[in-house]
Structure formats: structure tokens, C-alpha cells
Amino acid sequence: MNASMPHKQERLQAILAPAPVVAVVTIDDAGVAVALAQALIDGGIGAIEITLRTPAALDAIRAIARDVPQAAVGAGTVLSATDLHAAAAAGARFAVSPGASSALLDAADTSTLPLLPGAATASEAMRLSERGYCLQKFFPAEPAGGVEYLRALAGPLPHICFCPTGGIRVDNAAAYLRLPNVACVGGSWLTPPALVRAQDWPAVTALARAAAALRG
């Protein structure tokens, strides 16, 4: 295990723990990133994962890191060492991957950026645990077995905590959050594309406020 891993995992826990939901955002226009992030902050959601699925993603991360310092902006869909380094250079405070290749984990060992790697099976979760990852993404949560699958993992793997993402909605998020091995969930329902295109920030704030209250 990399000597810095426990510290990076503690930093990641501190970023993800304050709110029950991490906003997962795919953004096409970096020009709205600051207003979108502020709307989420106003609703009580401070961890924002910008997926690296569009050309605007890195510029959006850069803008949020610069202009909304109270937001913990991260990069999602990090698939390679190149993605990891680009996210760090843009000012991301954490990185999220749907899985975990050896090359990506090796790059994370030498990066200061905390990584939330993905696992979908007990074997994958155990391998990540061996490398020091006690906090992992469970993806794709619903297709991979959902709440019942995570409940089953809690018995033999009580030391691993998950952030389920994939198919999480406002109507099923609370069931995940009641599990002892779930730290938070990732959700894209907070920033529906139609609301973002319309720049309806009060509506985004209302969705964020409802999400922030899920664990209350």
C-alpha cells in the first residue's frame, strides 16, 4: 500500500461525508458551471463530480475551482493516468472512476489527488481494499444488484464503505443511505439537462435542498 493512501482516503472521506449526495454532472457549456455550482451549494450540496464526458468538462472544473471555492469539485469518468493528471491540473479536489485498472491505480499512487475507484463485485472490492481503498464507488449500482447486494457485502466486508452511483434516484436514494456500508450516493437527478439548459438555478437549488435532507 502507498504510504500516502490513508491520508488521501481521509481527505476523500472529509469531502464526501458532509452531504448524503454527490452531484454527478455532465456539462456541455463551461459558461454555466459557476452558476450551477452555486445553485447546488445554495441547496446544501457541496461535492460536485463533473464527468469527463464532454469537451467542456475540464474548463468547468477549472471555473468552479477558481470561482466557487466552497464547492468540492471533482472529476468523474477518470479512466487513465492522463485523465487523472488533467483533473488535478484543472483544480479538481478528487477523482472518480467507474472501475479500476492497474495503470490508473498506479498513477493514483503517485498523484496527490484522492481517487474514488469503482467496484461492482466482492472480488473487485477486495482487490481495491488490498491497495488501501476503504472508500469505493459501487457502480453501476442498480444493475449490479442495488441495495440487497450492498447489504450482502456488509457482512464479509465491513471495513469497506461505498458511494453507490448508477440508477440512483430521489425515490431510491434513501434506501441506500440507510445501509451501514454506504457513505453517500452519487446522483445526476439534481441537475437535469433541461433545467441546466434553461439555467433554472432556483429549481436546481430546490432539488439539491431535497437531496441534502435525505439523511435528515
C-alpha atoms as a PDB file:
ATOM      1  CA  MET A   1       0.000   0.000   0.000  1.00  0.00           C
ATOM      2  CA  ASN A   2       1.211   3.512  -0.846  1.00  0.00           C
ATOM      3  CA  ALA A   3       2.228   5.337   2.343  1.00  0.00           C
ATOM      4  CA  SER A   4       0.095   8.365   1.470  1.00  0.00           C
ATOM      5  CA  MET A   5      -3.057   6.305   0.864  1.00  0.00           C
ATOM      6  CA  PRO A   6      -4.574   6.591   4.374  1.00  0.00           C
ATOM      7  CA  HIS A   7      -4.212  10.375   4.259  1.00  0.00           C
ATOM      8  CA  LYS A   8      -5.786  10.595   0.810  1.00  0.00           C
ATOM      9  CA  GLN A   9      -8.663   8.367   1.902  1.00  0.00           C
ATOM     10  CA  GLU A  10      -9.224  10.599   4.939  1.00  0.00           C
ATOM     11  CA  ARG A  11      -9.310  13.651   2.668  1.00  0.00           C
ATOM     12  CA  LEU A  12     -11.809  11.939   0.390  1.00  0.00           C
ATOM     13  CA  GLN A  13     -13.998  10.988   3.339  1.00  0.00           C
ATOM     14  CA  ALA A  14     -13.971  14.603   4.525  1.00  0.00           C
ATOM     15  CA  ILE A  15     -15.104  15.759   1.063  1.00  0.00           C
ATOM     16  CA  LEU A  16     -17.894  13.218   0.641  1.00  0.00           C
ATOM     17  CA  ALA A  17     -19.230  12.925   4.194  1.00  0.00           C
ATOM     18  CA  PRO A  18     -20.912  16.319   4.788  1.00  0.00           C
ATOM     19  CA  ALA A  19     -23.865  15.725   2.427  1.00  0.00           C
ATOM     20  CA  PRO A  20     -25.660  12.468   1.584  1.00  0.00           C
ATOM     21  CA  VAL A  21     -25.499  13.051  -2.175  1.00  0.00           C
ATOM     22  CA  VAL A  22     -22.648  13.851  -4.537  1.00  0.00           C
ATOM     23  CA  ALA A  23     -23.981  15.758  -7.534  1.00  0.00           C
ATOM     24  CA  VAL A  24     -22.916  13.959 -10.717  1.00  0.00           C
ATOM     25  CA  VAL A  25     -22.916  16.490 -13.544  1.00  0.00           C
ATOM     26  CA  THR A  26     -22.314  16.133 -17.277  1.00  0.00           C
ATOM     27  CA  ILE A  27     -21.894  19.647 -18.613  1.00  0.00           C
ATOM     28  CA  ASP A  28     -21.835  20.866 -22.211  1.00  0.00           C
ATOM     29  CA  ASP A  29     -21.242  24.572 -21.568  1.00  0.00           C
ATOM     30  CA  ALA A  30     -18.500  25.609 -19.165  1.00  0.00           C
ATOM     31  CA  GLY A  31     -20.026  29.073 -19.130  1.00  0.00           C
ATOM     32  CA  VAL A  32     -22.801  27.911 -16.794  1.00  0.00           C
ATOM     33  CA  ALA A  33     -20.543  25.922 -14.472  1.00  0.00           C
ATOM     34  CA  VAL A  34     -20.137  28.598 -11.811  1.00  0.00           C
ATOM     35  CA  ALA A  35     -23.857  29.385 -11.572  1.00  0.00           C
ATOM     36  CA  LEU A  36     -24.693  25.673 -11.497  1.00  0.00           C
ATOM     37  CA  ALA A  37     -22.197  25.017  -8.714  1.00  0.00           C
ATOM     38  CA  GLN A  38     -23.516  27.945  -6.710  1.00  0.00           C
ATOM     39  CA  ALA A  39     -27.070  26.657  -7.081  1.00  0.00           C
ATOM     40  CA  LEU A  40     -26.000  23.290  -5.676  1.00  0.00           C
ATOM     41  CA  ILE A  41     -24.119  24.943  -2.816  1.00  0.00           C
ATOM     42  CA  ASP A  42     -27.167  27.055  -2.009  1.00  0.00           C
ATOM     43  CA  GLY A  43     -29.160  23.828  -1.665  1.00  0.00           C
ATOM     44  CA  GLY A  44     -26.633  22.234   0.681  1.00  0.00           C
ATOM     45  CA  ILE A  45     -24.743  20.001  -1.780  1.00  0.00           C
ATOM     46  CA  GLY A  46     -21.029  20.745  -1.686  1.00  0.00           C
ATOM     47  CA  ALA A  47     -19.413  17.791  -3.510  1.00  0.00           C
ATOM     48  CA  ILE A  48     -19.779  18.105  -7.272  1.00  0.00           C
ATOM     49  CA  GLU A  49     -18.467  15.493  -9.708  1.00  0.00           C
ATOM     50  CA  ILE A  50     -18.025  16.836 -13.238  1.00  0.00           C
ATOM     51  CA  THR A  51     -17.810  13.864 -15.580  1.00  0.00           C
ATOM     52  CA  LEU A  52     -15.057  13.944 -18.201  1.00  0.00           C
ATOM     53  CA  ARG A  53     -17.501  13.048 -20.958  1.00  0.00           C
ATOM     54  CA  THR A  54     -17.624  16.379 -22.781  1.00  0.00           C
ATOM     55  CA  PRO A  55     -15.052  18.845 -24.130  1.00  0.00           C
ATOM     56  CA  ALA A  56     -16.316  21.403 -21.595  1.00  0.00           C
ATOM     57  CA  ALA A  57     -15.596  19.299 -18.525  1.00  0.00           C
ATOM     58  CA  LEU A  58     -12.077  20.426 -17.643  1.00  0.00           C
ATOM     59  CA  ASP A  59     -12.928  24.090 -18.236  1.00  0.00           C
ATOM     60  CA  ALA A  60     -15.965  23.662 -15.985  1.00  0.00           C
ATOM     61  CA  ILE A  61     -13.818  22.152 -13.225  1.00  0.00           C
ATOM     62  CA  ARG A  62     -11.318  24.966 -13.626  1.00  0.00           C
ATOM     63  CA  ALA A  63     -14.035  27.628 -13.367  1.00  0.00           C
ATOM     64  CA  ILE A  64     -15.665  26.107 -10.294  1.00  0.00           C
ATOM     65  CA  ALA A  65     -12.334  25.614  -8.528  1.00  0.00           C
ATOM     66  CA  ARG A  66     -11.479  29.254  -9.183  1.00  0.00           C
ATOM     67  CA  ASP A  67     -14.800  30.993  -8.552  1.00  0.00           C
ATOM     68  CA  VAL A  68     -16.704  28.736  -6.137  1.00  0.00           C
ATOM     69  CA  PRO A  69     -14.045  27.742  -3.599  1.00  0.00           C
ATOM     70  CA  GLN A  70     -16.628  26.490  -1.117  1.00  0.00           C
ATOM     71  CA  ALA A  71     -17.522  23.706  -3.557  1.00  0.00           C
ATOM     72  CA  ALA A  72     -15.514  20.498  -3.547  1.00  0.00           C
ATOM     73  CA  VAL A  73     -15.296  19.949  -7.278  1.00  0.00           C
ATOM     74  CA  GLY A  74     -14.128  16.602  -8.585  1.00  0.00           C
ATOM     75  CA  ALA A  75     -13.641  14.858 -11.899  1.00  0.00           C
ATOM     76  CA  GLY A  76     -15.680  11.807 -12.843  1.00  0.00           C
ATOM     77  CA  THR A  77     -15.220   9.207 -15.583  1.00  0.00           C
ATOM     78  CA  VAL A  78     -11.478   9.244 -14.923  1.00  0.00           C
ATOM     79  CA  LEU A  79     -10.208   6.324 -16.987  1.00  0.00           C
ATOM     80  CA  SER A  80      -6.458   6.827 -17.322  1.00  0.00           C
ATOM     81  CA  ALA A  81      -3.362   8.458 -15.899  1.00  0.00           C
ATOM     82  CA  THR A  82      -3.831  11.220 -18.471  1.00  0.00           C
ATOM     83  CA  ASP A  83      -7.335  11.919 -17.164  1.00  0.00           C
ATOM     84  CA  LEU A  84      -6.100  11.904 -13.575  1.00  0.00           C
ATOM     85  CA  HIS A  85      -3.297  14.374 -14.242  1.00  0.00           C
ATOM     86  CA  ALA A  86      -5.567  16.640 -16.297  1.00  0.00           C
ATOM     87  CA  ALA A  87      -8.139  16.696 -13.498  1.00  0.00           C
ATOM     88  CA  ALA A  88      -5.505  17.618 -10.931  1.00  0.00           C
ATOM     89  CA  ALA A  89      -4.138  20.367 -13.168  1.00  0.00           C
ATOM     90  CA  ALA A  90      -7.653  21.807 -13.608  1.00  0.00           C
ATOM     91  CA  GLY A  91      -8.069  22.127  -9.849  1.00  0.00           C
ATOM     92  CA  ALA A  92     -10.182  19.070  -9.055  1.00  0.00           C
ATOM     93  CA  ARG A  93     -10.137  18.034  -5.413  1.00  0.00           C
ATOM     94  CA  PHE A  94     -10.997  14.388  -6.033  1.00  0.00           C
ATOM     95  CA  ALA A  95     -11.328  11.925  -8.914  1.00  0.00           C
ATOM     96  CA  VAL A  96     -13.895   9.199  -9.558  1.00  0.00           C
ATOM     97  CA  SER A  97     -13.565   6.176 -11.831  1.00  0.00           C
ATOM     98  CA  PRO A  98     -16.236   3.678 -12.915  1.00  0.00           C
ATOM     99  CA  GLY A  99     -13.739   0.860 -12.374  1.00  0.00           C
ATOM    100  CA  ALA A 100     -10.077   0.420 -11.554  1.00  0.00           C
ATOM    101  CA  SER A 101      -7.346  -0.583 -13.990  1.00  0.00           C
ATOM    102  CA  SER A 102      -3.833  -1.345 -12.780  1.00  0.00           C
ATOM    103  CA  ALA A 103      -2.486   1.609 -14.769  1.00  0.00           C
ATOM    104  CA  LEU A 104      -4.960   4.013 -13.185  1.00  0.00           C
ATOM    105  CA  LEU A 105      -4.247   2.755  -9.664  1.00  0.00           C
ATOM    106  CA  ASP A 106      -0.505   3.038 -10.264  1.00  0.00           C
ATOM    107  CA  ALA A 107      -0.969   6.631 -11.419  1.00  0.00           C
ATOM    108  CA  ALA A 108      -3.105   7.379  -8.366  1.00  0.00           C
ATOM    109  CA  ASP A 109      -0.303   6.129  -6.127  1.00  0.00           C
ATOM    110  CA  THR A 110       1.902   8.978  -7.323  1.00  0.00           C
ATOM    111  CA  SER A 111      -0.813  11.629  -7.514  1.00  0.00           C
ATOM    112  CA  THR A 112      -1.861  13.929  -4.686  1.00  0.00           C
ATOM    113  CA  LEU A 113      -5.471  13.671  -5.907  1.00  0.00           C
ATOM    114  CA  PRO A 114      -7.686  11.287  -3.887  1.00  0.00           C
ATOM    115  CA  LEU A 115      -9.320   8.661  -6.087  1.00  0.00           C
ATOM    116  CA  LEU A 116     -12.701   7.001  -5.609  1.00  0.00           C
ATOM    117  CA  PRO A 117     -12.311   3.838  -7.715  1.00  0.00           C
ATOM    118  CA  GLY A 118     -15.242   1.738  -8.834  1.00  0.00           C
ATOM    119  CA  ALA A 119     -16.083  -1.835  -7.906  1.00  0.00           C
ATOM    120  CA  ALA A 120     -19.071  -3.985  -8.852  1.00  0.00           C
ATOM    121  CA  THR A 121     -18.156  -7.345  -7.270  1.00  0.00           C
ATOM    122  CA  ALA A 122     -16.776  -8.644  -3.984  1.00  0.00           C
ATOM    123  CA  SER A 123     -13.522  -9.631  -5.697  1.00  0.00           C
ATOM    124  CA  GLU A 124     -13.045  -6.144  -7.141  1.00  0.00           C
ATOM    125  CA  ALA A 125     -13.786  -4.574  -3.773  1.00  0.00           C
ATOM    126  CA  MET A 126     -11.283  -6.886  -2.057  1.00  0.00           C
ATOM    127  CA  ARG A 127      -8.545  -6.084  -4.577  1.00  0.00           C
ATOM    128  CA  LEU A 128      -9.079  -2.368  -4.069  1.00  0.00           C
ATOM    129  CA  SER A 129      -9.047  -2.847  -0.316  1.00  0.00           C
ATOM    130  CA  GLU A 130      -5.670  -4.578  -0.588  1.00  0.00           C
ATOM    131  CA  ARG A 131      -4.349  -1.392  -2.207  1.00  0.00           C
ATOM    132  CA  GLY A 132      -5.693   0.747   0.620  1.00  0.00           C
ATOM    133  CA  TYR A 133      -9.046   1.841  -0.761  1.00  0.00           C
ATOM    134  CA  CYS A 134     -11.527   1.545   2.093  1.00  0.00           C
ATOM    135  CA  LEU A 135     -13.861   4.007   0.332  1.00  0.00           C
ATOM    136  CA  GLN A 136     -15.045   2.862  -3.094  1.00  0.00           C
ATOM    137  CA  LYS A 137     -17.638   3.653  -5.721  1.00  0.00           C
ATOM    138  CA  PHE A 138     -20.243   0.925  -6.302  1.00  0.00           C
ATOM    139  CA  PHE A 139     -21.085   1.099  -9.992  1.00  0.00           C
ATOM    140  CA  PRO A 140     -23.402   0.570 -11.741  1.00  0.00           C
ATOM    141  CA  ALA A 141     -25.383   0.359  -8.523  1.00  0.00           C
ATOM    142  CA  GLU A 142     -28.844  -0.682  -9.662  1.00  0.00           C
ATOM    143  CA  PRO A 143     -27.829  -3.066 -12.488  1.00  0.00           C
ATOM    144  CA  ALA A 144     -25.140  -4.617 -10.252  1.00  0.00           C
ATOM    145  CA  GLY A 145     -27.596  -5.655  -7.555  1.00  0.00           C
ATOM    146  CA  GLY A 146     -28.605  -2.491  -5.762  1.00  0.00           C
ATOM    147  CA  VAL A 147     -29.450  -2.248  -2.092  1.00  0.00           C
ATOM    148  CA  GLU A 148     -29.659  -6.009  -1.472  1.00  0.00           C
ATOM    149  CA  TYR A 149     -26.243  -6.622  -2.999  1.00  0.00           C
ATOM    150  CA  LEU A 150     -24.603  -3.935  -0.860  1.00  0.00           C
ATOM    151  CA  ARG A 151     -26.366  -5.262   2.225  1.00  0.00           C
ATOM    152  CA  ALA A 152     -24.878  -8.684   1.487  1.00  0.00           C
ATOM    153  CA  LEU A 153     -21.373  -7.217   1.116  1.00  0.00           C
ATOM    154  CA  ALA A 154     -21.552  -5.503   4.518  1.00  0.00           C
ATOM    155  CA  GLY A 155     -21.230  -8.823   6.356  1.00  0.00           C
ATOM    156  CA  PRO A 156     -17.936 -10.147   4.947  1.00  0.00           C
ATOM    157  CA  LEU A 157     -16.508  -6.716   4.033  1.00  0.00           C
ATOM    158  CA  PRO A 158     -17.489  -4.417   6.921  1.00  0.00           C
ATOM    159  CA  HIS A 159     -14.329  -2.321   6.546  1.00  0.00           C
ATOM    160  CA  ILE A 160     -15.283  -1.120   3.038  1.00  0.00           C
ATOM    161  CA  CYS A 161     -17.639   1.818   2.565  1.00  0.00           C
ATOM    162  CA  PHE A 162     -19.286   2.640  -0.737  1.00  0.00           C
ATOM    163  CA  CYS A 163     -20.663   5.540  -2.735  1.00  0.00           C
ATOM    164  CA  PRO A 164     -23.261   3.851  -4.980  1.00  0.00           C
ATOM    165  CA  THR A 165     -23.804   5.519  -8.350  1.00  0.00           C
ATOM    166  CA  GLY A 166     -25.778   4.458 -11.393  1.00  0.00           C
ATOM    167  CA  GLY A 167     -29.529   4.304 -11.365  1.00  0.00           C
ATOM    168  CA  ILE A 168     -29.788   6.209  -8.081  1.00  0.00           C
ATOM    169  CA  ARG A 169     -32.868   8.404  -7.985  1.00  0.00           C
ATOM    170  CA  VAL A 170     -34.651  10.547  -5.455  1.00  0.00           C
ATOM    171  CA  ASP A 171     -37.094   7.684  -4.808  1.00  0.00           C
ATOM    172  CA  ASN A 172     -34.477   5.023  -4.035  1.00  0.00           C
ATOM    173  CA  ALA A 173     -31.573   7.033  -2.611  1.00  0.00           C
ATOM    174  CA  ALA A 174     -32.820   6.859   0.986  1.00  0.00           C
ATOM    175  CA  ALA A 175     -32.794   3.044   0.930  1.00  0.00           C
ATOM    176  CA  TYR A 176     -29.097   3.084   0.027  1.00  0.00           C
ATOM    177  CA  LEU A 177     -28.301   5.716   2.633  1.00  0.00           C
ATOM    178  CA  ARG A 178     -29.776   3.560   5.394  1.00  0.00           C
ATOM    179  CA  LEU A 179     -27.155   0.868   4.773  1.00  0.00           C
ATOM    180  CA  PRO A 180     -24.222   0.836   7.241  1.00  0.00           C
ATOM    181  CA  ASN A 181     -21.660   0.476   4.451  1.00  0.00           C
ATOM    182  CA  VAL A 182     -22.859   3.466   2.389  1.00  0.00           C
ATOM    183  CA  ALA A 183     -21.154   6.808   2.954  1.00  0.00           C
ATOM    184  CA  CYS A 184     -23.131   8.744   0.347  1.00  0.00           C
ATOM    185  CA  VAL A 185     -24.693   8.243  -3.076  1.00  0.00           C
ATOM    186  CA  GLY A 186     -23.942   9.807  -6.433  1.00  0.00           C
ATOM    187  CA  GLY A 187     -26.853  11.252  -8.339  1.00  0.00           C
ATOM    188  CA  SER A 188     -27.432  13.040 -11.622  1.00  0.00           C
ATOM    189  CA  TRP A 189     -31.055  13.869 -10.849  1.00  0.00           C
ATOM    190  CA  LEU A 190     -30.006  17.125  -9.152  1.00  0.00           C
ATOM    191  CA  THR A 191     -29.020  18.707 -12.469  1.00  0.00           C
ATOM    192  CA  PRO A 192     -31.477  17.600 -15.176  1.00  0.00           C
ATOM    193  CA  PRO A 193     -30.258  18.705 -18.626  1.00  0.00           C
ATOM    194  CA  ALA A 194     -33.467  20.640 -19.282  1.00  0.00           C
ATOM    195  CA  LEU A 195     -33.023  22.737 -16.139  1.00  0.00           C
ATOM    196  CA  VAL A 196     -29.361  23.362 -16.908  1.00  0.00           C
ATOM    197  CA  ARG A 197     -30.148  24.419 -20.470  1.00  0.00           C
ATOM    198  CA  ALA A 198     -32.839  26.764 -19.158  1.00  0.00           C
ATOM    199  CA  GLN A 199     -30.458  27.989 -16.439  1.00  0.00           C
ATOM    200  CA  ASP A 200     -33.246  27.482 -13.916  1.00  0.00           C
ATOM    201  CA  TRP A 201     -30.973  27.710 -10.890  1.00  0.00           C
ATOM    202  CA  PRO A 202     -33.761  28.051  -8.291  1.00  0.00           C
ATOM    203  CA  ALA A 203     -35.119  24.684  -9.465  1.00  0.00           C
ATOM    204  CA  VAL A 204     -31.652  23.117  -9.186  1.00  0.00           C
ATOM    205  CA  THR A 205     -31.296  24.562  -5.695  1.00  0.00           C
ATOM    206  CA  ALA A 206     -34.656  23.064  -4.726  1.00  0.00           C
ATOM    207  CA  LEU A 207     -33.566  19.615  -5.933  1.00  0.00           C
ATOM    208  CA  ALA A 208     -30.278  19.978  -4.061  1.00  0.00           C
ATOM    209  CA  ARG A 209     -32.070  21.008  -0.874  1.00  0.00           C
ATOM    210  CA  ALA A 210     -34.307  17.938  -1.059  1.00  0.00           C
ATOM    211  CA  ALA A 211     -31.265  15.727  -1.644  1.00  0.00           C
ATOM    212  CA  ALA A 212     -29.376  17.249   1.267  1.00  0.00           C
ATOM    213  CA  ALA A 213     -32.308  16.397   3.535  1.00  0.00           C
ATOM    214  CA  LEU A 214     -32.371  12.700   2.598  1.00  0.00           C
ATOM    215  CA  ARG A 215     -30.334  11.630   5.604  1.00  0.00           C
ATOM    216  CA  GLY A 216     -32.076  14.007   7.984  1.00  0.00           C
END
